[in-house]
């Protein structure tokens, strides 16, 4: 008799416990080249992964032009292998589309590829560049992702991939460009605790941070030879500073006292083309805020 009485209670308890277990968030970060997501959001990705959420990096080009002595298919292969090492170090998934570096255009076929990737990942959040940038690949990646927003939920577009039932929240990576409008840090995330992990992931891109970028920047002799020295050099070169606007955003999300202790930040701006998140939505989608 007691067992019969307990059955409804145990059933109700099981329903309560299962509903209390939140489904992991699905985050997709989209860059033009095979190191862009790492630079702009590697720390945030590390925080998401540590909290049990799922992160995918997507490079829209294969990076086959980003070197001074190598190029073409061999460079694309090398850079793809670097992305897979990043995936191992950060705990993310890293996909690379086979579009030529430096030749990207916002065409319909590539837009459909981006739509498919967002749908396949069942994304809650999509982060990409703004469309005002010095590099045409960055600009057109921003346009491609903006054009994919809303369309990810339209069944007759890319009908071979099931549409999303809800438009994700779309965000922009931080940049320093002022015209036609400056970046607005709607979200500022403290990545101080995972900054070394971010640097360790960037270290995977040897072709870029120790070869191509120093060469195109005019300072190839600055790169140290030793592994430990390189990591320290990379950390110093990627530290950056906090703008007054980012500091204000940090204070909003973390409070004045904690914000003053933050050393490293990644900031994001809300794109108007996706779902319009409330402050409560942002706290749910970015559970590391304020922690």
Foldseek 3Di string as FASTA:
>chain_A
DVVVVCVVVVVVVVVVVVVVDDDAAQEEEEEQELCVCLLQCVLLLLVSVVVPHAYEYEHLELCQPQADPGGDPVVSVLSVVLSVVLCVLRVYHYYYHHDHPLPDALDLVSLLVVLQVCLVSLHQEYEAADLDDPGNSRNSRNVSVLVSFPVLQPCVRNVVGHGHPFGHWYKYWADQDPPPHHFAFLAKFQSVVCLLSSLVSSVSPCRHLQGRVCVVVVHNVVQDDDPVSNSVVSSVVSQDAADPRNLVNLCVQANNVVSVVGRHIIGIGTDPRTDDDDPVRVCVNSVNTND
